[in-house]
C-alpha atoms as a PDB file:
ATOM      1  CA  MET A   1     136.843 119.265  81.493  1.00  0.00           C
ATOM      2  CA  THR A   2     139.018 120.059  78.500  1.00  0.00           C
ATOM      3  CA  THR A   3     137.209 119.796  75.185  1.00  0.00           C
ATOM      4  CA  ALA A   4     139.332 117.924  72.675  1.00  0.00           C
ATOM      5  CA  PRO A   5     139.730 119.508  69.251  1.00  0.00           C
ATOM      6  CA  VAL A   6     137.365 118.384  66.530  1.00  0.00           C
ATOM      7  CA  LEU A   7     138.890 115.880  64.110  1.00  0.00           C
ATOM      8  CA  LEU A   8     138.057 117.019  60.578  1.00  0.00           C
ATOM      9  CA  ALA A   9     138.963 114.156  58.237  1.00  0.00           C
ATOM     10  CA  THR A  10     139.374 115.722  54.811  1.00  0.00           C
ATOM     11  CA  SER A  11     139.580 113.689  51.620  1.00  0.00           C
ATOM     12  CA  HIS A  12     140.065 114.756  48.022  1.00  0.00           C
ATOM     13  CA  GLY A  13     136.547 113.847  46.962  1.00  0.00           C
ATOM     14  CA  THR A  14     135.427 111.689  44.067  1.00  0.00           C
ATOM     15  CA  SER A  15     132.449 111.286  41.776  1.00  0.00           C
ATOM     16  CA  ASP A  16     132.764 107.502  42.029  1.00  0.00           C
ATOM     17  CA  PRO A  17     130.033 106.110  44.337  1.00  0.00           C
ATOM     18  CA  ALA A  18     132.205 103.201  45.470  1.00  0.00           C
ATOM     19  CA  GLY A  19     134.999 105.591  46.379  1.00  0.00           C
ATOM     20  CA  GLN A  20     132.577 107.851  48.229  1.00  0.00           C
ATOM     21  CA  ARG A  21     131.271 104.951  50.297  1.00  0.00           C
ATOM     22  CA  ALA A  22     134.768 103.652  51.040  1.00  0.00           C
ATOM     23  CA  VAL A  23     135.984 107.020  52.335  1.00  0.00           C
ATOM     24  CA  LEU A  24     132.845 107.532  54.420  1.00  0.00           C
ATOM     25  CA  ALA A  25     133.459 104.108  55.939  1.00  0.00           C
ATOM     26  CA  LEU A  26     136.944 105.244  56.952  1.00  0.00           C
ATOM     27  CA  VAL A  27     135.583 108.386  58.632  1.00  0.00           C
ATOM     28  CA  ASP A  28     132.971 106.268  60.426  1.00  0.00           C
ATOM     29  CA  ALA A  29     135.650 103.794  61.520  1.00  0.00           C
ATOM     30  CA  VAL A  30     137.754 106.610  62.964  1.00  0.00           C
ATOM     31  CA  ALA A  31     134.730 107.879  64.893  1.00  0.00           C
ATOM     32  CA  ALA A  32     133.996 104.372  66.190  1.00  0.00           C
ATOM     33  CA  ALA A  33     137.613 103.880  67.278  1.00  0.00           C
ATOM     34  CA  ALA A  34     137.600 107.165  69.214  1.00  0.00           C
ATOM     35  CA  PRO A  35     134.006 107.578  70.425  1.00  0.00           C
ATOM     36  CA  HIS A  36     134.894 110.406  72.824  1.00  0.00           C
ATOM     37  CA  LEU A  37     136.041 112.616  69.937  1.00  0.00           C
ATOM     38  CA  THR A  38     133.943 114.748  67.629  1.00  0.00           C
ATOM     39  CA  VAL A  39     134.731 113.514  64.115  1.00  0.00           C
ATOM     40  CA  ARG A  40     133.582 115.279  60.970  1.00  0.00           C
ATOM     41  CA  GLY A  41     134.231 114.652  57.287  1.00  0.00           C
ATOM     42  CA  GLY A  42     134.951 117.177  54.540  1.00  0.00           C
ATOM     43  CA  TYR A  43     136.438 117.475  51.064  1.00  0.00           C
ATOM     44  CA  VAL A  44     138.964 119.604  49.220  1.00  0.00           C
ATOM     45  CA  ASP A  45     137.438 119.023  45.782  1.00  0.00           C
ATOM     46  CA  VAL A  46     134.579 117.396  43.853  1.00  0.00           C
ATOM     47  CA  GLN A  47     132.293 116.698  46.831  1.00  0.00           C
ATOM     48  CA  SER A  48     130.763 118.826  49.544  1.00  0.00           C
ATOM     49  CA  PRO A  49     130.917 120.096  52.207  1.00  0.00           C
ATOM     50  CA  ASP A  50     134.224 121.794  51.518  1.00  0.00           C
ATOM     51  CA  VAL A  51     136.619 122.607  54.327  1.00  0.00           C
ATOM     52  CA  PRO A  52     135.613 126.270  54.880  1.00  0.00           C
ATOM     53  CA  SER A  53     131.972 125.166  55.167  1.00  0.00           C
ATOM     54  CA  CYS A  54     132.930 122.483  57.680  1.00  0.00           C
ATOM     55  CA  LEU A  55     134.894 124.962  59.770  1.00  0.00           C
ATOM     56  CA  ARG A  56     132.007 127.429  59.793  1.00  0.00           C
ATOM     57  CA  ALA A  57     129.617 124.672  60.862  1.00  0.00           C
ATOM     58  CA  ILE A  58     131.927 123.596  63.689  1.00  0.00           C
ATOM     59  CA  ALA A  59     132.240 127.199  64.841  1.00  0.00           C
ATOM     60  CA  ALA A  60     128.452 127.588  64.777  1.00  0.00           C
ATOM     61  CA  GLU A  61     128.047 124.467  66.904  1.00  0.00           C
ATOM     62  CA  SER A  62     130.362 126.027  69.493  1.00  0.00           C
ATOM     63  CA  ARG A  63     128.290 129.195  69.888  1.00  0.00           C
ATOM     64  CA  PRO A  64     125.739 129.709  72.636  1.00  0.00           C
ATOM     65  CA  SER A  65     122.307 128.573  71.506  1.00  0.00           C
ATOM     66  CA  ASP A  66     121.034 132.150  71.188  1.00  0.00           C
ATOM     67  CA  THR A  67     123.872 133.152  68.872  1.00  0.00           C
ATOM     68  CA  GLY A  68     123.316 132.145  65.288  1.00  0.00           C
ATOM     69  CA  PRO A  69     125.865 131.952  62.500  1.00  0.00           C
ATOM     70  CA  THR A  70     126.763 135.101  60.630  1.00  0.00           C
ATOM     71  CA  ASP A  71     128.207 135.690  57.215  1.00  0.00           C
ATOM     72  CA  SER A  72     131.157 137.489  58.767  1.00  0.00           C
ATOM     73  CA  GLY A  73     132.389 134.398  60.585  1.00  0.00           C
ATOM     74  CA  PRO A  74     132.145 132.836  64.045  1.00  0.00           C
ATOM     75  CA  ALA A  75     131.001 134.858  67.012  1.00  0.00           C
ATOM     76  CA  ASP A  76     133.276 135.726  69.914  1.00  0.00           C
ATOM     77  CA  GLY A  77     133.953 132.685  72.051  1.00  0.00           C
ATOM     78  CA  ALA A  78     133.349 130.220  69.209  1.00  0.00           C
ATOM     79  CA  ASP A  79     136.911 129.040  69.403  1.00  0.00           C
ATOM     80  CA  ARG A  80     136.791 125.266  69.689  1.00  0.00           C
ATOM     81  CA  PRO A  81     140.000 124.088  68.032  1.00  0.00           C
ATOM     82  CA  VAL A  82     139.974 121.857  64.973  1.00  0.00           C
ATOM     83  CA  VAL A  83     142.590 119.426  63.711  1.00  0.00           C
ATOM     84  CA  ILE A  84     142.342 118.751  59.987  1.00  0.00           C
ATOM     85  CA  VAL A  85     143.681 115.321  59.072  1.00  0.00           C
ATOM     86  CA  PRO A  86     144.111 115.105  55.292  1.00  0.00           C
ATOM     87  CA  LEU A  87     142.967 111.731  53.996  1.00  0.00           C
ATOM     88  CA  LEU A  88     145.606 112.161  51.318  1.00  0.00           C
ATOM     89  CA  LEU A  89     148.586 109.901  50.793  1.00  0.00           C
ATOM     90  CA  SER A  90     151.213 112.596  50.236  1.00  0.00           C
ATOM     91  CA  ALA A  91     151.593 116.252  51.152  1.00  0.00           C
ATOM     92  CA  GLY A  92     151.056 117.982  47.815  1.00  0.00           C
ATOM     93  CA  TYR A  93     149.216 121.139  46.799  1.00  0.00           C
ATOM     94  CA  HIS A  94     146.005 120.356  48.661  1.00  0.00           C
ATOM     95  CA  VAL A  95     147.826 119.972  51.978  1.00  0.00           C
ATOM     96  CA  ARG A  96     150.363 122.759  51.588  1.00  0.00           C
ATOM     97  CA  VAL A  97     148.072 125.340  49.968  1.00  0.00           C
ATOM     98  CA  ASP A  98     144.328 124.565  50.037  1.00  0.00           C
ATOM     99  CA  LEU A  99     144.124 123.237  53.578  1.00  0.00           C
ATOM    100  CA  ALA A 100     146.752 125.624  54.919  1.00  0.00           C
ATOM    101  CA  GLU A 101     144.822 128.606  53.541  1.00  0.00           C
ATOM    102  CA  ALA A 102     141.542 127.300  54.947  1.00  0.00           C
ATOM    103  CA  ALA A 103     143.186 126.999  58.366  1.00  0.00           C
ATOM    104  CA  ASP A 104     144.653 130.505  58.159  1.00  0.00           C
ATOM    105  CA  ASP A 105     141.288 131.993  57.169  1.00  0.00           C
ATOM    106  CA  ALA A 106     139.307 130.226  59.883  1.00  0.00           C
ATOM    107  CA  GLY A 107     137.892 132.077  62.850  1.00  0.00           C
ATOM    108  CA  GLN A 108     138.948 129.383  65.304  1.00  0.00           C
ATOM    109  CA  PRO A 109     142.265 127.637  66.060  1.00  0.00           C
ATOM    110  CA  VAL A 110     142.896 125.150  63.248  1.00  0.00           C
ATOM    111  CA  ARG A 111     145.882 122.904  62.658  1.00  0.00           C
ATOM    112  CA  VAL A 112     146.582 120.766  59.611  1.00  0.00           C
ATOM    113  CA  THR A 113     148.473 117.516  60.129  1.00  0.00           C
ATOM    114  CA  GLY A 114     150.745 115.868  57.644  1.00  0.00           C
ATOM    115  CA  ALA A 115     149.456 113.482  55.008  1.00  0.00           C
ATOM    116  CA  LEU A 116     148.768 109.812  55.694  1.00  0.00           C
ATOM    117  CA  GLY A 117     151.996 108.712  54.055  1.00  0.00           C
ATOM    118  CA  PRO A 118     154.683 107.698  53.921  1.00  0.00           C
ATOM    119  CA  ASP A 119     154.040 105.285  56.778  1.00  0.00           C
ATOM    120  CA  TRP A 120     155.131 101.720  57.432  1.00  0.00           C
ATOM    121  CA  ARG A 121     151.562 100.746  58.250  1.00  0.00           C
ATOM    122  CA  LEU A 122     150.456 101.750  54.767  1.00  0.00           C
ATOM    123  CA  ALA A 123     153.259  99.620  53.349  1.00  0.00           C
ATOM    124  CA  ARG A 124     151.908  96.623  55.235  1.00  0.00           C
ATOM    125  CA  ILE A 125     148.407  97.267  53.883  1.00  0.00           C
ATOM    126  CA  LEU A 126     149.839  97.472  50.362  1.00  0.00           C
ATOM    127  CA  ALA A 127     151.635  94.176  50.924  1.00  0.00           C
ATOM    128  CA  ASP A 128     148.398  92.579  52.115  1.00  0.00           C
ATOM    129  CA  ARG A 129     146.636  93.798  48.976  1.00  0.00           C
ATOM    130  CA  LEU A 130     149.380  92.258  46.836  1.00  0.00           C
ATOM    131  CA  HIS A 131     149.111  88.927  48.618  1.00  0.00           C
ATOM    132  CA  GLU A 132     145.338  89.023  48.045  1.00  0.00           C
ATOM    133  CA  VAL A 133     145.949  88.931  44.286  1.00  0.00           C
ATOM    134  CA  GLY A 134     148.460  86.104  44.509  1.00  0.00           C
ATOM    135  CA  LEU A 135     151.859  87.804  44.506  1.00  0.00           C
ATOM    136  CA  ARG A 136     154.555  85.334  43.447  1.00  0.00           C
ATOM    137  CA  PRO A 137     158.197  85.233  44.555  1.00  0.00           C
ATOM    138  CA  ASP A 138     159.458  86.132  41.073  1.00  0.00           C
ATOM    139  CA  ASP A 139     156.954  88.910  40.273  1.00  0.00           C
ATOM    140  CA  THR A 140     158.201  92.411  39.548  1.00  0.00           C
ATOM    141  CA  VAL A 141     156.371  95.023  41.636  1.00  0.00           C
ATOM    142  CA  VAL A 142     155.538  98.573  40.574  1.00  0.00           C
ATOM    143  CA  LEU A 143     153.945 101.022  43.006  1.00  0.00           C
ATOM    144  CA  ALA A 144     151.200 103.065  41.314  1.00  0.00           C
ATOM    145  CA  ALA A 145     150.950 106.562  42.823  1.00  0.00           C
ATOM    146  CA  ALA A 146     148.632 109.384  41.824  1.00  0.00           C
ATOM    147  CA  GLY A 147     151.421 111.851  41.102  1.00  0.00           C
ATOM    148  CA  SER A 148     151.926 115.522  41.866  1.00  0.00           C
ATOM    149  CA  THR A 149     153.767 118.604  40.633  1.00  0.00           C
ATOM    150  CA  ASP A 150     155.023 119.029  44.209  1.00  0.00           C
ATOM    151  CA  ALA A 151     158.550 117.633  44.516  1.00  0.00           C
ATOM    152  CA  ASP A 152     158.074 116.737  48.183  1.00  0.00           C
ATOM    153  CA  ALA A 153     154.919 114.782  47.371  1.00  0.00           C
ATOM    154  CA  VAL A 154     156.802 112.859  44.682  1.00  0.00           C
ATOM    155  CA  ALA A 155     159.568 112.149  47.185  1.00  0.00           C
ATOM    156  CA  ASP A 156     156.943 110.860  49.626  1.00  0.00           C
ATOM    157  CA  CYS A 157     155.761 108.371  47.005  1.00  0.00           C
ATOM    158  CA  HIS A 158     159.302 107.123  46.414  1.00  0.00           C
ATOM    159  CA  ALA A 159     159.687 106.771  50.186  1.00  0.00           C
ATOM    160  CA  MET A 160     156.562 104.596  50.208  1.00  0.00           C
ATOM    161  CA  GLY A 161     158.076 102.511  47.435  1.00  0.00           C
ATOM    162  CA  ASP A 162     161.158 101.989  49.600  1.00  0.00           C
ATOM    163  CA  ARG A 163     159.014 100.961  52.558  1.00  0.00           C
ATOM    164  CA  LEU A 164     157.018  98.510  50.478  1.00  0.00           C
ATOM    165  CA  ALA A 165     160.262  97.066  49.107  1.00  0.00           C
ATOM    166  CA  ALA A 166     161.502  96.504  52.651  1.00  0.00           C
ATOM    167  CA  VAL A 167     158.250  94.824  53.699  1.00  0.00           C
ATOM    168  CA  LEU A 168     158.221  92.568  50.628  1.00  0.00           C
ATOM    169  CA  GLY A 169     161.960  91.905  50.599  1.00  0.00           C
ATOM    170  CA  ARG A 170     162.260  92.729  46.904  1.00  0.00           C
ATOM    171  CA  PRO A 171     162.801  95.804  44.714  1.00  0.00           C
ATOM    172  CA  VAL A 172     159.852  98.100  44.020  1.00  0.00           C
ATOM    173  CA  THR A 173     159.803 100.794  41.360  1.00  0.00           C
ATOM    174  CA  VAL A 174     157.367 103.712  41.306  1.00  0.00           C
ATOM    175  CA  GLY A 175     155.143 104.908  38.472  1.00  0.00           C
ATOM    176  CA  PHE A 176     152.829 107.916  38.491  1.00  0.00           C
ATOM    177  CA  ILE A 177     149.353 108.122  37.035  1.00  0.00           C
ATOM    178  CA  SER A 178     149.642 111.857  36.392  1.00  0.00           C
ATOM    179  CA  ALA A 179     151.844 114.933  36.815  1.00  0.00           C
ATOM    180  CA  ALA A 180     155.150 113.190  37.608  1.00  0.00           C
ATOM    181  CA  GLN A 181     157.576 110.875  35.818  1.00  0.00           C
ATOM    182  CA  PRO A 182     157.879 108.066  35.073  1.00  0.00           C
ATOM    183  CA  ARG A 183     154.261 107.536  34.141  1.00  0.00           C
ATOM    184  CA  LEU A 184     152.784 104.273  35.339  1.00  0.00           C
ATOM    185  CA  ALA A 185     152.444 102.694  31.897  1.00  0.00           C
ATOM    186  CA  ALA A 186     156.087 103.514  31.142  1.00  0.00           C
ATOM    187  CA  ALA A 187     157.213 102.055  34.466  1.00  0.00           C
ATOM    188  CA  VAL A 188     155.307  98.853  33.700  1.00  0.00           C
ATOM    189  CA  LEU A 189     156.885  98.627  30.242  1.00  0.00           C
ATOM    190  CA  ALA A 190     160.347  99.158  31.715  1.00  0.00           C
ATOM    191  CA  ALA A 191     159.749  96.461  34.311  1.00  0.00           C
ATOM    192  CA  ARG A 192     158.550  94.056  31.639  1.00  0.00           C
ATOM    193  CA  ALA A 193     161.606  94.766  29.489  1.00  0.00           C
ATOM    194  CA  ALA A 194     163.938  94.188  32.427  1.00  0.00           C
ATOM    195  CA  ALA A 195     162.755  90.654  33.238  1.00  0.00           C
ATOM    196  CA  PRO A 196     160.509  88.035  31.580  1.00  0.00           C
ATOM    197  CA  VAL A 197     158.197  87.705  34.590  1.00  0.00           C
ATOM    198  CA  ARG A 198     154.809  89.017  35.640  1.00  0.00           C
ATOM    199  CA  VAL A 199     154.504  92.715  36.439  1.00  0.00           C
ATOM    200  CA  VAL A 200     152.267  93.344  39.444  1.00  0.00           C
ATOM    201  CA  VAL A 201     151.075  96.824  40.366  1.00  0.00           C
ATOM    202  CA  ALA A 202     150.529  97.849  43.985  1.00  0.00           C
ATOM    203  CA  THR A 203     147.784 100.469  43.886  1.00  0.00           C
ATOM    204  CA  TYR A 204     148.865 103.254  46.211  1.00  0.00           C
ATOM    205  CA  LEU A 205     145.540 105.077  46.093  1.00  0.00           C
ATOM    206  CA  LEU A 206     143.153 105.636  48.960  1.00  0.00           C
ATOM    207  CA  ALA A 207     139.929 104.406  47.384  1.00  0.00           C
ATOM    208  CA  PRO A 208     138.191 103.329  44.174  1.00  0.00           C
ATOM    209  CA  GLY A 209     137.756 106.084  41.630  1.00  0.00           C
ATOM    210  CA  TYR A 210     138.990 107.497  38.343  1.00  0.00           C
ATOM    211  CA  PHE A 211     142.685 107.043  39.090  1.00  0.00           C
ATOM    212  CA  ALA A 212     142.142 103.486  40.327  1.00  0.00           C
ATOM    213  CA  GLY A 213     140.479 102.746  36.996  1.00  0.00           C
ATOM    214  CA  LEU A 214     143.499 104.124  35.154  1.00  0.00           C
ATOM    215  CA  ALA A 215     145.786 101.954  37.264  1.00  0.00           C
ATOM    216  CA  GLU A 216     143.778  98.879  36.326  1.00  0.00           C
ATOM    217  CA  ARG A 217     144.371  99.669  32.641  1.00  0.00           C
ATOM    218  CA  CYS A 218     148.108 100.378  32.879  1.00  0.00           C
ATOM    219  CA  GLY A 219     149.196  97.192  31.110  1.00  0.00           C
ATOM    220  CA  ALA A 220     150.334  95.209  34.152  1.00  0.00           C
ATOM    221  CA  ASP A 221     149.579  91.515  34.521  1.00  0.00           C
ATOM    222  CA  VAL A 222     147.962  91.988  37.928  1.00  0.00           C
ATOM    223  CA  VAL A 223     146.770  95.123  39.744  1.00  0.00           C
ATOM    224  CA  SER A 224     145.969  95.143  43.452  1.00  0.00           C
ATOM    225  CA  ARG A 225     143.033  96.938  45.034  1.00  0.00           C
ATOM    226  CA  PRO A 226     143.353 100.368  46.689  1.00  0.00           C
ATOM    227  CA  LEU A 227     143.878 100.796  50.419  1.00  0.00           C
ATOM    228  CA  LEU A 228     140.114 101.154  50.936  1.00  0.00           C
ATOM    229  CA  VAL A 229     137.636  98.785  49.336  1.00  0.00           C
ATOM    230  CA  ASP A 230     133.928  99.471  49.039  1.00  0.00           C
ATOM    231  CA  GLY A 231     131.909  97.103  51.203  1.00  0.00           C
ATOM    232  CA  GLU A 232     134.854  96.054  53.379  1.00  0.00           C
ATOM    233  CA  ALA A 233     135.899  97.387  56.758  1.00  0.00           C
ATOM    234  CA  PRO A 234     138.779  99.869  56.496  1.00  0.00           C
ATOM    235  CA  PRO A 235     142.107  98.356  57.570  1.00  0.00           C
ATOM    236  CA  ARG A 236     142.624  99.000  61.268  1.00  0.00           C
ATOM    237  CA  GLU A 237     146.170 100.202  60.610  1.00  0.00           C
ATOM    238  CA  LEU A 238     144.820 102.946  58.348  1.00  0.00           C
ATOM    239  CA  VAL A 239     142.391 104.028  61.061  1.00  0.00           C
ATOM    240  CA  ASP A 240     145.329 104.149  63.474  1.00  0.00           C
ATOM    241  CA  VAL A 241     147.330 106.374  61.111  1.00  0.00           C
ATOM    242  CA  VAL A 242     144.485 108.911  61.085  1.00  0.00           C
ATOM    243  CA  ILE A 243     144.087 108.863  64.857  1.00  0.00           C
ATOM    244  CA  ASP A 244     147.828 109.127  65.485  1.00  0.00           C
ATOM    245  CA  LEU A 245     148.126 112.165  63.200  1.00  0.00           C
ATOM    246  CA  TYR A 246     145.229 113.786  65.039  1.00  0.00           C
ATOM    247  CA  SER A 247     146.560 112.896  68.474  1.00  0.00           C
ATOM    248  CA  SER A 248     149.999 114.430  67.899  1.00  0.00           C
ATOM    249  CA  SER A 249     148.549 117.668  66.560  1.00  0.00           C
ATOM    250  CA  ALA A 250     145.789 117.939  69.166  1.00  0.00           C
ATOM    251  CA  ARG A 251     148.295 117.418  71.965  1.00  0.00           C
ATOM    252  CA  LEU A 252     150.387 120.280  70.578  1.00  0.00           C
ATOM    253  CA  GLU A 253     147.359 122.563  70.175  1.00  0.00           C
ATOM    254  CA  LEU A 254     146.274 122.107  73.778  1.00  0.00           C
ATOM    255  CA  ALA A 255     149.828 122.361  75.101  1.00  0.00           C
ATOM    256  CA  LEU A 256     150.240 125.729  73.391  1.00  0.00           C
ATOM    257  CA  ALA A 257     146.980 126.840  75.005  1.00  0.00           C
ATOM    258  CA  GLY A 258     148.215 125.691  78.420  1.00  0.00           C
ATOM    259  CA  LEU A 259     145.539 123.011  78.689  1.00  0.00           C
ATOM    260  CA  PRO A 260     145.919 119.359  79.735  1.00  0.00           C
ATOM    261  CA  TRP A 261     145.643 116.589  77.175  1.00  0.00           C
ATOM    262  CA  SER A 262     144.513 113.036  77.701  1.00  0.00           C
ATOM    263  CA  PHE A 263     143.706 110.572  74.968  1.00  0.00           C
ATOM    264  CA  SER A 264     142.842 106.901  74.988  1.00  0.00           C
ATOM    265  CA  ARG A 265     141.635 104.785  72.126  1.00  0.00           C
ATOM    266  CA  GLY A 266     138.352 103.001  72.098  1.00  0.00           C
ATOM    267  CA  ARG A 267     138.201  99.225  72.149  1.00  0.00           C
ATOM    268  CA  THR A 268     139.787  97.583  69.131  1.00  0.00           C
ATOM    269  CA  ASP A 269     138.328  94.107  69.467  1.00  0.00           C
END
């Protein structure tokens, strides 16, 4: 029987307890949706275990029982592949550098998928969050993104704005909480100056935390909740995004190794 690669769901990390719980709930939901897979969680910053520690632990689990871990890395034969799925909304520095370097340095086959976004399913979740807070037909919508110094990550955020605009059937501008322009507060001010209507912010952040708090204080009339909400089940479409990213990469990994690949989701009802 072919052993499927381990799914290592890797989030940024946060010191906010609500954000921590919300992300853990997403990892648990992914594991529940694909019970035949080995699912692990890790972090690129703030929390532990970090990705190198996770990879070493996975390698150690793959060793024969009489072969313990060593400081020099995994023993011969400890080569169970790993697919890292970044629980990040755009492919910035953490995806292109931190996770890529961790994969290169690992002692087992490791692939890093793309980020969660842009994706039409995320746009639908954002639209649902806006409708939760009572979006009106004449409201102006601003997408609040974390921001990045990576131009491709910024472009990803604008692509999400375009997708949300298509789902809502109205224009959507984008504002960034850090690193990129325009800043969120400036985007809200510009929207307010352009039309005498409410300005509603769609929070394009994964979970509660420091940036979500900044979004709430950006000066908009209404601010939606992040994609994940503490105490609520993660949106099924978000779980599907994670599994689909894993599935595509795992299929490639096993194909390159000349091994068969079969994947079926768990029950969704």
